[in-house]
Amino acid sequence: MSQKAVEKLMKGYEHKRSLIKSRLRQFKQVFKKGDDVQIFLELTFCIFTANATARMGLKSINAVSDILMNADAGEISQRLKGVHRFPNSRARYLFLTREYLKSEFDFKLKDLIISFEHPLKRRDFFASCNGIKGIGYKEASHFLRNIGFGGYGILDKHILRSLYDFNVIDNLKPPITRNDYLRIENKLRKFAKKIDIDMDELDLLLWSERTGEILK
């Protein structure tokens, strides 16, 4: 990898370090202080962000937040029209996921999340459970990071492009299987260790370098 490119990245990190650390602290407060509905709101955001953008996810959350817990799929879809590119499917995913969590776990999301002792098993549940609709390993990682659980790589197109540009990976093909995801995530982890930046901080840094923003 180019030394100049790494030096530029490190300069960006020095400039954004305090904001990145502050954002990660905010994420931790979500789980610490939020209730089960707040946690579900973060899961909903990730359902909306999958195959879309973080901005679209935020706008969609604003459109449905007041009916999040009680509306049926049709009502949710109506709110999402003109806001999300896939209003019908996202409304269905949200409704089915909410009802599954109610019926199977009495909607005790915080208890569910801390019931997993191993971080990978925690993510595996949200990425592969048939009752959780509309997210895979990327958005499961995104969700857990956004509620304060660290150590997950959010391998979206921006992160993959950055890793490719730094010669950490040799192609831009997004991971399809769990093993592919873990393989690329491990390369991100090794890259973070090599340049001495915490992986969660590096994930936000790379994303912000591509988008110009530090969102969620």
N, C-alpha and C. Protein backbone atom coordinates (compact mmCIF):
# COMPACT_ATOMS: atom_id res chain seq x y z
N MET A 1 0.84 -1.19 0.00
CA MET A 1 0.00 0.00 0.00
C MET A 1 0.88 1.25 0.00
N SER A 2 0.36 2.33 -0.56
CA SER A 2 1.12 3.56 -0.67
C SER A 2 1.32 4.22 0.69
N GLN A 3 2.56 4.55 0.99
CA GLN A 3 2.85 5.22 2.25
C GLN A 3 2.19 6.59 2.31
N LYS A 4 2.14 7.27 1.16
CA LYS A 4 1.51 8.59 1.11
C LYS A 4 0.01 8.47 1.42
N ALA A 5 -0.60 7.43 0.90
CA ALA A 5 -2.03 7.24 1.15
C ALA A 5 -2.29 6.98 2.63
N VAL A 6 -1.41 6.19 3.25
CA VAL A 6 -1.56 5.92 4.68
C VAL A 6 -1.34 7.19 5.49
N GLU A 7 -0.34 7.98 5.10
CA GLU A 7 -0.08 9.24 5.80
C GLU A 7 -1.27 10.18 5.69
N LYS A 8 -1.91 10.21 4.53
CA LYS A 8 -3.10 11.05 4.35
C LYS A 8 -4.23 10.56 5.24
N LEU A 9 -4.38 9.24 5.33
CA LEU A 9 -5.42 8.68 6.19
C LEU A 9 -5.16 9.03 7.64
N MET A 10 -3.90 8.94 8.07
CA MET A 10 -3.57 9.25 9.45
C MET A 10 -3.80 10.72 9.77
N LYS A 11 -3.56 11.59 8.80
CA LYS A 11 -3.86 13.02 9.00
C LYS A 11 -5.36 13.22 9.17
N GLY A 12 -6.14 12.49 8.37
CA GLY A 12 -7.59 12.57 8.52
C GLY A 12 -8.03 12.08 9.88
N TYR A 13 -7.36 11.04 10.35
CA TYR A 13 -7.70 10.49 11.67
C TYR A 13 -7.40 11.50 12.77
N GLU A 14 -6.26 12.15 12.69
CA GLU A 14 -5.92 13.16 13.70
C GLU A 14 -6.95 14.28 13.72
N HIS A 15 -7.43 14.63 12.53
CA HIS A 15 -8.41 15.72 12.42
C HIS A 15 -9.78 15.30 12.98
N LYS A 16 -10.14 14.03 12.77
CA LYS A 16 -11.49 13.58 13.11
C LYS A 16 -11.54 12.72 14.37
N ARG A 17 -10.39 12.48 14.98
CA ARG A 17 -10.31 11.54 16.08
C ARG A 17 -11.33 11.83 17.19
N SER A 18 -11.40 13.07 17.63
CA SER A 18 -12.28 13.39 18.75
C SER A 18 -13.75 13.19 18.39
N LEU A 19 -14.11 13.54 17.15
CA LEU A 19 -15.50 13.37 16.71
C LEU A 19 -15.85 11.89 16.58
N ILE A 20 -14.91 11.11 16.06
CA ILE A 20 -15.14 9.67 15.91
C ILE A 20 -15.30 9.01 17.28
N LYS A 21 -14.43 9.34 18.22
CA LYS A 21 -14.52 8.77 19.56
C LYS A 21 -15.83 9.20 20.24
N SER A 22 -16.22 10.44 20.02
CA SER A 22 -17.47 10.93 20.59
C SER A 22 -18.66 10.17 20.03
N ARG A 23 -18.65 9.90 18.72
CA ARG A 23 -19.75 9.18 18.11
C ARG A 23 -19.84 7.75 18.65
N LEU A 24 -18.70 7.12 18.83
CA LEU A 24 -18.70 5.76 19.38
C LEU A 24 -19.21 5.74 20.82
N ARG A 25 -18.89 6.77 21.58
CA ARG A 25 -19.43 6.88 22.95
C ARG A 25 -20.95 7.04 22.91
N GLN A 26 -21.44 7.81 21.95
CA GLN A 26 -22.88 7.99 21.81
C GLN A 26 -23.57 6.66 21.51
N PHE A 27 -22.95 5.86 20.66
CA PHE A 27 -23.51 4.54 20.36
C PHE A 27 -23.64 3.69 21.62
N LYS A 28 -22.63 3.72 22.46
CA LYS A 28 -22.66 2.93 23.69
C LYS A 28 -23.79 3.37 24.61
N GLN A 29 -24.10 4.65 24.59
CA GLN A 29 -25.17 5.16 25.44
C GLN A 29 -26.54 4.67 25.00
N VAL A 30 -26.67 4.33 23.72
CA VAL A 30 -27.97 3.85 23.22
C VAL A 30 -28.39 2.60 23.97
N PHE A 31 -27.47 1.65 24.09
CA PHE A 31 -27.82 0.41 24.79
C PHE A 31 -27.86 0.63 26.30
N LYS A 32 -26.97 1.45 26.80
CA LYS A 32 -26.89 1.67 28.24
C LYS A 32 -28.14 2.36 28.77
N LYS A 33 -28.62 3.36 28.04
CA LYS A 33 -29.73 4.18 28.54
C LYS A 33 -31.05 3.96 27.81
N GLY A 34 -30.99 3.39 26.60
CA GLY A 34 -32.21 3.22 25.82
C GLY A 34 -33.02 2.02 26.29
N ASP A 35 -34.30 2.04 25.94
CA ASP A 35 -35.17 0.90 26.25
C ASP A 35 -35.28 0.00 25.03
N ASP A 36 -36.13 -1.01 25.12
CA ASP A 36 -36.27 -1.97 24.03
C ASP A 36 -36.79 -1.32 22.75
N VAL A 37 -37.65 -0.34 22.89
CA VAL A 37 -38.18 0.36 21.71
C VAL A 37 -37.07 1.12 21.01
N GLN A 38 -36.20 1.76 21.78
CA GLN A 38 -35.08 2.48 21.19
C GLN A 38 -34.14 1.52 20.45
N ILE A 39 -33.91 0.37 21.03
CA ILE A 39 -33.07 -0.63 20.37
C ILE A 39 -33.72 -1.08 19.07
N PHE A 40 -35.03 -1.29 19.11
CA PHE A 40 -35.73 -1.69 17.89
C PHE A 40 -35.68 -0.59 16.84
N LEU A 41 -35.72 0.66 17.27
CA LEU A 41 -35.61 1.78 16.34
C LEU A 41 -34.28 1.71 15.59
N GLU A 42 -33.22 1.34 16.29
CA GLU A 42 -31.91 1.21 15.64
C GLU A 42 -31.90 0.02 14.68
N LEU A 43 -32.57 -1.06 15.04
CA LEU A 43 -32.67 -2.19 14.12
C LEU A 43 -33.47 -1.80 12.88
N THR A 44 -34.54 -1.04 13.09
CA THR A 44 -35.35 -0.56 11.98
C THR A 44 -34.53 0.32 11.04
N PHE A 45 -33.72 1.18 11.61
CA PHE A 45 -32.85 2.03 10.80
C PHE A 45 -31.99 1.18 9.87
N CYS A 46 -31.46 0.08 10.39
CA CYS A 46 -30.59 -0.77 9.57
C CYS A 46 -31.38 -1.55 8.54
N ILE A 47 -32.61 -1.92 8.85
CA ILE A 47 -33.49 -2.52 7.84
C ILE A 47 -33.74 -1.54 6.70
N PHE A 48 -33.94 -0.29 7.05
CA PHE A 48 -34.18 0.74 6.04
C PHE A 48 -32.91 1.10 5.25
N THR A 49 -31.76 0.96 5.88
CA THR A 49 -30.51 1.35 5.23
C THR A 49 -29.99 0.29 4.27
N ALA A 50 -30.36 -0.96 4.48
CA ALA A 50 -29.90 -2.04 3.60
C ALA A 50 -30.30 -1.76 2.15
N ASN A 51 -29.32 -1.83 1.25
CA ASN A 51 -29.54 -1.54 -0.18
C ASN A 51 -30.07 -0.13 -0.42
N ALA A 52 -29.79 0.76 0.51
CA ALA A 52 -30.18 2.15 0.36
C ALA A 52 -29.01 3.01 0.87
N THR A 53 -29.30 4.09 1.55
CA THR A 53 -28.26 4.95 2.11
C THR A 53 -28.60 5.28 3.55
N ALA A 54 -27.60 5.71 4.30
CA ALA A 54 -27.85 6.11 5.67
C ALA A 54 -28.82 7.28 5.74
N ARG A 55 -28.69 8.22 4.81
CA ARG A 55 -29.61 9.36 4.77
C ARG A 55 -31.04 8.90 4.54
N MET A 56 -31.23 7.95 3.61
CA MET A 56 -32.57 7.44 3.35
C MET A 56 -33.10 6.71 4.58
N GLY A 57 -32.20 5.99 5.26
CA GLY A 57 -32.60 5.31 6.48
C GLY A 57 -33.09 6.27 7.53
N LEU A 58 -32.39 7.38 7.70
CA LEU A 58 -32.78 8.38 8.70
C LEU A 58 -34.11 9.04 8.34
N LYS A 59 -34.29 9.37 7.07
CA LYS A 59 -35.56 9.97 6.65
C LYS A 59 -36.72 8.99 6.84
N SER A 60 -36.46 7.73 6.59
CA SER A 60 -37.51 6.72 6.74
C SER A 60 -37.88 6.54 8.21
N ILE A 61 -36.88 6.55 9.08
CA ILE A 61 -37.14 6.47 10.52
C ILE A 61 -38.03 7.63 10.96
N ASN A 62 -37.70 8.82 10.50
CA ASN A 62 -38.50 9.99 10.87
C ASN A 62 -39.94 9.86 10.38
N ALA A 63 -40.12 9.16 9.26
CA ALA A 63 -41.45 9.03 8.69
C ALA A 63 -42.34 8.05 9.45
N VAL A 64 -41.73 7.09 10.16
CA VAL A 64 -42.55 6.04 10.79
C VAL A 64 -42.40 5.95 12.31
N SER A 65 -41.57 6.79 12.89
CA SER A 65 -41.25 6.62 14.32
C SER A 65 -42.47 6.66 15.23
N ASP A 66 -43.49 7.45 14.87
CA ASP A 66 -44.65 7.57 15.75
C ASP A 66 -45.63 6.40 15.61
N ILE A 67 -45.45 5.56 14.57
CA ILE A 67 -46.34 4.41 14.40
C ILE A 67 -45.55 3.10 14.44
N LEU A 68 -44.31 3.19 14.85
CA LEU A 68 -43.37 2.08 14.77
C LEU A 68 -43.88 0.81 15.43
N MET A 69 -44.52 0.93 16.58
CA MET A 69 -44.83 -0.25 17.39
C MET A 69 -46.22 -0.84 17.13
N ASN A 70 -47.07 -0.11 16.43
CA ASN A 70 -48.45 -0.60 16.31
C ASN A 70 -49.00 -0.69 14.89
N ALA A 71 -48.38 0.00 13.94
CA ALA A 71 -48.93 0.03 12.58
C ALA A 71 -48.76 -1.29 11.87
N ASP A 72 -49.69 -1.58 10.95
CA ASP A 72 -49.52 -2.77 10.12
C ASP A 72 -48.65 -2.41 8.92
N ALA A 73 -48.34 -3.42 8.10
CA ALA A 73 -47.42 -3.20 6.98
C ALA A 73 -47.97 -2.17 5.99
N GLY A 74 -49.28 -2.17 5.79
CA GLY A 74 -49.88 -1.22 4.86
C GLY A 74 -49.71 0.22 5.31
N GLU A 75 -49.92 0.48 6.58
CA GLU A 75 -49.75 1.84 7.13
C GLU A 75 -48.30 2.29 7.03
N ILE A 76 -47.40 1.38 7.35
CA ILE A 76 -45.97 1.72 7.28
C ILE A 76 -45.57 2.02 5.84
N SER A 77 -46.05 1.20 4.90
CA SER A 77 -45.74 1.41 3.49
C SER A 77 -46.21 2.78 3.00
N GLN A 78 -47.39 3.18 3.43
CA GLN A 78 -47.91 4.50 3.04
C GLN A 78 -46.99 5.62 3.51
N ARG A 79 -46.49 5.50 4.72
CA ARG A 79 -45.58 6.51 5.27
C ARG A 79 -44.24 6.54 4.50
N LEU A 80 -43.84 5.39 3.98
CA LEU A 80 -42.53 5.29 3.33
C LEU A 80 -42.56 5.69 1.85
N LYS A 81 -43.75 5.80 1.28
CA LYS A 81 -43.84 6.16 -0.14
C LYS A 81 -43.30 7.57 -0.35
N GLY A 82 -42.40 7.69 -1.31
CA GLY A 82 -41.75 8.98 -1.57
C GLY A 82 -40.57 9.25 -0.65
N VAL A 83 -40.35 8.35 0.30
CA VAL A 83 -39.24 8.50 1.25
C VAL A 83 -38.19 7.43 1.03
N HIS A 84 -38.66 6.18 0.89
CA HIS A 84 -37.75 5.05 0.67
C HIS A 84 -37.97 4.48 -0.73
N ARG A 85 -36.91 3.97 -1.31
CA ARG A 85 -37.01 3.43 -2.67
C ARG A 85 -37.77 2.11 -2.73
N PHE A 86 -37.86 1.41 -1.57
CA PHE A 86 -38.59 0.15 -1.52
C PHE A 86 -39.62 0.19 -0.39
N PRO A 87 -40.65 1.01 -0.50
CA PRO A 87 -41.58 1.19 0.63
C PRO A 87 -42.31 -0.09 1.02
N ASN A 88 -42.71 -0.89 0.05
CA ASN A 88 -43.51 -2.08 0.37
C ASN A 88 -42.69 -3.16 1.05
N SER A 89 -41.53 -3.47 0.50
CA SER A 89 -40.72 -4.54 1.09
C SER A 89 -40.19 -4.13 2.46
N ARG A 90 -39.76 -2.88 2.61
CA ARG A 90 -39.24 -2.45 3.90
C ARG A 90 -40.33 -2.41 4.96
N ALA A 91 -41.53 -2.02 4.57
CA ALA A 91 -42.66 -2.05 5.51
C ALA A 91 -42.94 -3.47 5.95
N ARG A 92 -42.89 -4.40 5.02
CA ARG A 92 -43.14 -5.80 5.35
C ARG A 92 -42.05 -6.35 6.26
N TYR A 93 -40.79 -6.03 5.94
CA TYR A 93 -39.69 -6.50 6.79
C TYR A 93 -39.83 -5.98 8.21
N LEU A 94 -40.16 -4.70 8.33
CA LEU A 94 -40.31 -4.09 9.65
C LEU A 94 -41.44 -4.76 10.43
N PHE A 95 -42.56 -4.91 9.79
CA PHE A 95 -43.73 -5.49 10.46
C PHE A 95 -43.45 -6.93 10.91
N LEU A 96 -42.92 -7.75 10.01
CA LEU A 96 -42.68 -9.16 10.34
C LEU A 96 -41.62 -9.31 11.43
N THR A 97 -40.59 -8.48 11.38
CA THR A 97 -39.54 -8.53 12.40
C THR A 97 -40.08 -8.13 13.75
N ARG A 98 -40.86 -7.07 13.79
CA ARG A 98 -41.46 -6.60 15.04
C ARG A 98 -42.35 -7.67 15.65
N GLU A 99 -43.21 -8.27 14.84
CA GLU A 99 -44.13 -9.27 15.36
C GLU A 99 -43.39 -10.53 15.81
N TYR A 100 -42.32 -10.88 15.12
CA TYR A 100 -41.51 -12.03 15.54
C TYR A 100 -40.87 -11.78 16.91
N LEU A 101 -40.31 -10.61 17.08
CA LEU A 101 -39.66 -10.28 18.35
C LEU A 101 -40.67 -10.21 19.49
N LYS A 102 -41.89 -9.78 19.19
CA LYS A 102 -42.93 -9.77 20.20
C LYS A 102 -43.34 -11.18 20.61
N SER A 103 -43.56 -12.03 19.60
CA SER A 103 -44.09 -13.36 19.89
C SER A 103 -43.05 -14.30 20.48
N GLU A 104 -41.81 -14.19 20.03
CA GLU A 104 -40.78 -15.14 20.46
C GLU A 104 -39.98 -14.68 21.68
N PHE A 105 -39.85 -13.36 21.85
CA PHE A 105 -38.99 -12.84 22.92
C PHE A 105 -39.68 -11.80 23.81
N ASP A 106 -41.01 -11.70 23.66
CA ASP A 106 -41.77 -10.73 24.45
C ASP A 106 -41.21 -9.32 24.28
N PHE A 107 -40.58 -9.10 23.14
CA PHE A 107 -39.97 -7.82 22.76
C PHE A 107 -38.90 -7.34 23.75
N LYS A 108 -38.28 -8.27 24.43
CA LYS A 108 -37.21 -7.91 25.37
C LYS A 108 -35.87 -7.98 24.62
N LEU A 109 -35.65 -6.98 23.80
CA LEU A 109 -34.48 -6.98 22.91
C LEU A 109 -33.18 -6.89 23.68
N LYS A 110 -33.14 -6.09 24.70
CA LYS A 110 -31.89 -5.94 25.45
C LYS A 110 -31.49 -7.26 26.11
N ASP A 111 -32.47 -7.95 26.67
CA ASP A 111 -32.19 -9.26 27.26
C ASP A 111 -31.72 -10.24 26.20
N LEU A 112 -32.36 -10.19 25.04
CA LEU A 112 -31.96 -11.07 23.95
C LEU A 112 -30.51 -10.82 23.54
N ILE A 113 -30.16 -9.57 23.37
CA ILE A 113 -28.82 -9.22 22.89
C ILE A 113 -27.73 -9.64 23.87
N ILE A 114 -27.95 -9.43 25.15
CA ILE A 114 -26.91 -9.78 26.12
C ILE A 114 -26.90 -11.28 26.44
N SER A 115 -27.89 -12.00 25.92
CA SER A 115 -27.92 -13.45 26.17
C SER A 115 -26.82 -14.17 25.38
N PHE A 116 -26.28 -13.51 24.35
CA PHE A 116 -25.21 -14.12 23.57
C PHE A 116 -23.86 -13.77 24.18
N GLU A 117 -23.14 -14.78 24.59
CA GLU A 117 -21.85 -14.54 25.23
C GLU A 117 -20.77 -14.21 24.20
N HIS A 118 -20.88 -14.78 23.01
CA HIS A 118 -19.84 -14.58 22.00
C HIS A 118 -20.31 -13.56 20.97
N PRO A 119 -19.47 -12.56 20.64
CA PRO A 119 -19.86 -11.52 19.68
C PRO A 119 -20.30 -12.07 18.32
N LEU A 120 -19.64 -13.13 17.85
CA LEU A 120 -20.00 -13.67 16.54
C LEU A 120 -21.37 -14.34 16.58
N LYS A 121 -21.68 -15.02 17.67
CA LYS A 121 -22.99 -15.64 17.79
C LYS A 121 -24.08 -14.58 17.88
N ARG A 122 -23.78 -13.47 18.53
CA ARG A 122 -24.74 -12.36 18.61
C ARG A 122 -25.05 -11.85 17.21
N ARG A 123 -24.02 -11.62 16.42
CA ARG A 123 -24.25 -11.12 15.06
C ARG A 123 -24.90 -12.19 14.18
N ASP A 124 -24.47 -13.44 14.34
CA ASP A 124 -25.05 -14.53 13.55
C ASP A 124 -26.56 -14.57 13.71
N PHE A 125 -27.03 -14.35 14.93
CA PHE A 125 -28.46 -14.38 15.17
C PHE A 125 -29.18 -13.34 14.32
N PHE A 126 -28.74 -12.11 14.37
CA PHE A 126 -29.43 -11.05 13.64
C PHE A 126 -29.22 -11.14 12.13
N ALA A 127 -28.11 -11.72 11.72
CA ALA A 127 -27.82 -11.83 10.29
C ALA A 127 -28.53 -13.00 9.62
N SER A 128 -28.81 -14.06 10.38
CA SER A 128 -29.30 -15.28 9.73
C SER A 128 -30.61 -15.83 10.29
N CYS A 129 -31.14 -15.22 11.32
CA CYS A 129 -32.41 -15.67 11.89
C CYS A 129 -33.55 -15.43 10.89
N ASN A 130 -34.36 -16.43 10.65
CA ASN A 130 -35.46 -16.30 9.69
C ASN A 130 -36.50 -15.28 10.11
N GLY A 131 -36.57 -15.01 11.41
CA GLY A 131 -37.56 -14.05 11.88
C GLY A 131 -37.12 -12.60 11.75
N ILE A 132 -35.84 -12.37 11.55
CA ILE A 132 -35.30 -11.02 11.36
C ILE A 132 -35.17 -10.77 9.87
N LYS A 133 -36.00 -9.90 9.33
CA LYS A 133 -36.09 -9.73 7.89
C LYS A 133 -35.29 -8.53 7.38
N GLY A 134 -34.65 -8.72 6.24
CA GLY A 134 -34.10 -7.60 5.51
C GLY A 134 -32.67 -7.21 5.82
N ILE A 135 -31.99 -7.95 6.69
CA ILE A 135 -30.60 -7.61 6.95
C ILE A 135 -29.73 -8.87 6.88
N GLY A 136 -28.47 -8.67 6.50
CA GLY A 136 -27.49 -9.74 6.49
C GLY A 136 -26.35 -9.37 7.42
N TYR A 137 -25.16 -9.82 7.11
CA TYR A 137 -24.03 -9.58 8.02
C TYR A 137 -23.62 -8.12 8.08
N LYS A 138 -23.73 -7.41 6.97
CA LYS A 138 -23.34 -5.99 7.00
C LYS A 138 -24.24 -5.19 7.91
N GLU A 139 -25.55 -5.31 7.71
CA GLU A 139 -26.46 -4.51 8.52
C GLU A 139 -26.61 -5.04 9.94
N ALA A 140 -26.39 -6.33 10.14
CA ALA A 140 -26.35 -6.85 11.51
C ALA A 140 -25.17 -6.23 12.25
N SER A 141 -24.04 -6.12 11.57
CA SER A 141 -22.86 -5.47 12.15
C SER A 141 -23.14 -3.99 12.42
N HIS A 142 -23.81 -3.35 11.47
CA HIS A 142 -24.16 -1.94 11.58
C HIS A 142 -25.05 -1.70 12.80
N PHE A 143 -26.06 -2.55 12.94
CA PHE A 143 -26.98 -2.45 14.07
C PHE A 143 -26.25 -2.58 15.40
N LEU A 144 -25.43 -3.61 15.53
CA LEU A 144 -24.74 -3.84 16.80
C LEU A 144 -23.75 -2.72 17.10
N ARG A 145 -23.07 -2.22 16.09
CA ARG A 145 -22.17 -1.08 16.30
C ARG A 145 -22.95 0.14 16.77
N ASN A 146 -24.12 0.36 16.17
CA ASN A 146 -24.91 1.55 16.50
C ASN A 146 -25.53 1.51 17.89
N ILE A 147 -25.52 0.34 18.53
CA ILE A 147 -26.00 0.27 19.91
C ILE A 147 -24.83 -0.01 20.87
N GLY A 148 -23.61 0.18 20.36
CA GLY A 148 -22.46 0.20 21.26
C GLY A 148 -21.66 -1.07 21.38
N PHE A 149 -21.92 -2.06 20.54
CA PHE A 149 -21.15 -3.30 20.58
C PHE A 149 -20.05 -3.23 19.52
N GLY A 150 -18.79 -3.25 19.96
CA GLY A 150 -17.68 -3.05 19.06
C GLY A 150 -17.12 -4.33 18.48
N GLY A 151 -16.17 -4.15 17.56
CA GLY A 151 -15.45 -5.27 16.99
C GLY A 151 -16.04 -5.85 15.73
N TYR A 152 -17.01 -5.16 15.15
CA TYR A 152 -17.64 -5.63 13.92
C TYR A 152 -17.28 -4.70 12.76
N GLY A 153 -16.95 -5.29 11.62
CA GLY A 153 -16.70 -4.50 10.43
C GLY A 153 -17.98 -4.32 9.64
N ILE A 154 -18.26 -3.10 9.23
CA ILE A 154 -19.46 -2.81 8.43
C ILE A 154 -19.02 -2.70 6.98
N LEU A 155 -19.03 -3.81 6.29
CA LEU A 155 -18.39 -3.90 4.99
C LEU A 155 -19.33 -3.45 3.87
N ASP A 156 -19.63 -2.16 3.85
CA ASP A 156 -20.44 -1.61 2.77
C ASP A 156 -19.53 -1.22 1.61
N LYS A 157 -20.11 -0.63 0.57
CA LYS A 157 -19.33 -0.32 -0.63
C LYS A 157 -18.22 0.69 -0.36
N HIS A 158 -18.44 1.60 0.59
CA HIS A 158 -17.42 2.60 0.90
C HIS A 158 -16.21 1.97 1.59
N ILE A 159 -16.47 1.08 2.52
CA ILE A 159 -15.38 0.41 3.23
C ILE A 159 -14.64 -0.52 2.28
N LEU A 160 -15.37 -1.27 1.45
CA LEU A 160 -14.72 -2.17 0.51
C LEU A 160 -13.85 -1.40 -0.48
N ARG A 161 -14.35 -0.28 -0.97
CA ARG A 161 -13.56 0.54 -1.89
C ARG A 161 -12.29 1.05 -1.22
N SER A 162 -12.39 1.46 0.02
CA SER A 162 -11.21 1.92 0.75
C SER A 162 -10.20 0.80 0.94
N LEU A 163 -10.70 -0.36 1.34
CA LEU A 163 -9.80 -1.50 1.54
C LEU A 163 -9.13 -1.91 0.24
N TYR A 164 -9.86 -1.81 -0.85
CA TYR A 164 -9.28 -2.12 -2.16
C TYR A 164 -8.19 -1.10 -2.52
N ASP A 165 -8.48 0.17 -2.28
CA ASP A 165 -7.51 1.22 -2.61
C ASP A 165 -6.24 1.10 -1.77
N PHE A 166 -6.36 0.57 -0.57
CA PHE A 166 -5.20 0.37 0.29
C PHE A 166 -4.56 -1.01 0.09
N ASN A 167 -5.04 -1.72 -0.94
CA ASN A 167 -4.51 -3.06 -1.28
C ASN A 167 -4.70 -4.07 -0.14
N VAL A 168 -5.69 -3.85 0.68
CA VAL A 168 -6.01 -4.80 1.74
C VAL A 168 -6.80 -5.98 1.16
N ILE A 169 -7.65 -5.69 0.17
CA ILE A 169 -8.36 -6.73 -0.57
C ILE A 169 -8.05 -6.55 -2.05
N ASP A 170 -8.22 -7.61 -2.82
CA ASP A 170 -7.82 -7.54 -4.22
C ASP A 170 -8.98 -7.41 -5.20
N ASN A 171 -10.22 -7.31 -4.69
CA ASN A 171 -11.36 -7.05 -5.58
C ASN A 171 -12.48 -6.40 -4.77
N LEU A 172 -13.46 -5.87 -5.48
CA LEU A 172 -14.54 -5.13 -4.84
C LEU A 172 -15.81 -5.95 -4.67
N LYS A 173 -15.73 -7.23 -4.91
CA LYS A 173 -16.90 -8.09 -4.78
C LYS A 173 -17.35 -8.14 -3.33
N PRO A 174 -18.60 -7.77 -3.05
CA PRO A 174 -19.07 -7.81 -1.66
C PRO A 174 -19.18 -9.24 -1.16
N PRO A 175 -18.93 -9.46 0.11
CA PRO A 175 -19.01 -10.82 0.65
C PRO A 175 -20.43 -11.35 0.62
N ILE A 176 -20.57 -12.57 0.17
CA ILE A 176 -21.88 -13.19 0.07
C ILE A 176 -22.14 -14.14 1.23
N THR A 177 -21.14 -14.93 1.58
CA THR A 177 -21.30 -15.92 2.63
C THR A 177 -20.72 -15.41 3.95
N ARG A 178 -21.05 -16.09 5.01
CA ARG A 178 -20.50 -15.77 6.33
C ARG A 178 -18.98 -15.86 6.31
N ASN A 179 -18.45 -16.91 5.71
CA ASN A 179 -17.00 -17.09 5.67
C ASN A 179 -16.32 -15.97 4.90
N ASP A 180 -16.93 -15.55 3.80
CA ASP A 180 -16.37 -14.43 3.04
C ASP A 180 -16.36 -13.16 3.89
N TYR A 181 -17.45 -12.95 4.61
CA TYR A 181 -17.54 -11.75 5.45
C TYR A 181 -16.46 -11.77 6.53
N LEU A 182 -16.31 -12.90 7.19
CA LEU A 182 -15.31 -13.01 8.25
C LEU A 182 -13.90 -12.84 7.71
N ARG A 183 -13.67 -13.35 6.50
CA ARG A 183 -12.34 -13.23 5.89
C ARG A 183 -11.98 -11.77 5.63
N ILE A 184 -12.89 -11.02 5.04
CA ILE A 184 -12.61 -9.61 4.76
C ILE A 184 -12.57 -8.80 6.05
N GLU A 185 -13.46 -9.12 6.96
CA GLU A 185 -13.47 -8.43 8.26
C GLU A 185 -12.14 -8.62 8.98
N ASN A 186 -11.58 -9.80 8.89
CA ASN A 186 -10.29 -10.07 9.53
C ASN A 186 -9.18 -9.26 8.87
N LYS A 187 -9.28 -9.04 7.56
CA LYS A 187 -8.30 -8.21 6.87
C LYS A 187 -8.41 -6.76 7.32
N LEU A 188 -9.63 -6.30 7.53
CA LEU A 188 -9.84 -4.96 8.07
C LEU A 188 -9.24 -4.85 9.46
N ARG A 189 -9.44 -5.87 10.27
CA ARG A 189 -8.90 -5.90 11.64
C ARG A 189 -7.37 -5.84 11.62
N LYS A 190 -6.76 -6.61 10.73
CA LYS A 190 -5.30 -6.62 10.63
C LYS A 190 -4.77 -5.27 10.12
N PHE A 191 -5.50 -4.67 9.19
CA PHE A 191 -5.11 -3.36 8.67
C PHE A 191 -5.16 -2.32 9.79
N ALA A 192 -6.22 -2.37 10.59
CA ALA A 192 -6.36 -1.44 11.72
C ALA A 192 -5.20 -1.61 12.69
N LYS A 193 -4.84 -2.85 12.97
CA LYS A 193 -3.73 -3.10 13.89
C LYS A 193 -2.41 -2.60 13.31
N LYS A 194 -2.24 -2.78 12.01
CA LYS A 194 -1.00 -2.37 11.36
C LYS A 194 -0.78 -0.87 11.44
N ILE A 195 -1.86 -0.10 11.27
CA ILE A 195 -1.71 1.36 11.31
C ILE A 195 -2.06 1.93 12.69
N ASP A 196 -2.32 1.04 13.65
CA ASP A 196 -2.52 1.40 15.05
C ASP A 196 -3.73 2.31 15.25
N ILE A 197 -4.85 1.91 14.65
CA ILE A 197 -6.13 2.58 14.88
C ILE A 197 -7.14 1.52 15.29
N ASP A 198 -7.90 1.78 16.33
CA ASP A 198 -8.97 0.88 16.74
C ASP A 198 -9.87 0.57 15.56
N MET A 199 -10.28 -0.69 15.40
CA MET A 199 -11.05 -1.07 14.21
C MET A 199 -12.37 -0.33 14.10
N ASP A 200 -13.05 -0.13 15.19
CA ASP A 200 -14.32 0.60 15.14
C ASP A 200 -14.09 2.04 14.70
N GLU A 201 -13.01 2.63 15.17
CA GLU A 201 -12.68 3.98 14.76
C GLU A 201 -12.28 4.03 13.29
N LEU A 202 -11.53 3.02 12.85
CA LEU A 202 -11.11 2.97 11.45
C LEU A 202 -12.32 2.84 10.53
N ASP A 203 -13.29 2.03 10.92
CA ASP A 203 -14.50 1.86 10.12
C ASP A 203 -15.19 3.20 9.89
N LEU A 204 -15.37 3.96 10.95
CA LEU A 204 -15.99 5.29 10.82
C LEU A 204 -15.11 6.24 10.02
N LEU A 205 -13.80 6.14 10.22
CA LEU A 205 -12.87 7.01 9.51
C LEU A 205 -12.94 6.76 8.00
N LEU A 206 -12.85 5.51 7.60
CA LEU A 206 -12.88 5.18 6.18
C LEU A 206 -14.20 5.60 5.55
N TRP A 207 -15.29 5.40 6.28
CA TRP A 207 -16.61 5.78 5.76
C TRP A 207 -16.69 7.29 5.58
N SER A 208 -16.18 8.02 6.56
CA SER A 208 -16.24 9.48 6.49
C SER A 208 -15.33 10.03 5.40
N GLU A 209 -14.20 9.36 5.17
CA GLU A 209 -13.29 9.81 4.11
C GLU A 209 -13.95 9.67 2.74
N ARG A 210 -14.83 8.69 2.60
CA ARG A 210 -15.53 8.48 1.34
C ARG A 210 -16.75 9.38 1.18
N THR A 211 -17.46 9.62 2.28
CA THR A 211 -18.75 10.31 2.20
C THR A 211 -18.69 11.77 2.66
N GLY A 212 -17.64 12.10 3.43
CA GLY A 212 -17.53 13.44 3.96
C GLY A 212 -18.34 13.64 5.24
N GLU A 213 -18.91 12.55 5.76
CA GLU A 213 -19.76 12.65 6.94
C GLU A 213 -19.42 11.56 7.95
N ILE A 214 -19.76 11.83 9.20
CA ILE A 214 -19.73 10.80 10.23
C ILE A 214 -21.15 10.69 10.75
N LEU A 215 -21.88 9.72 10.22
CA LEU A 215 -23.29 9.58 10.61
C LEU A 215 -23.45 8.43 11.58
N LYS A 216 -24.13 7.37 11.15
CA LYS A 216 -24.37 6.23 12.02
C LYS A 216 -24.58 5.00 11.16
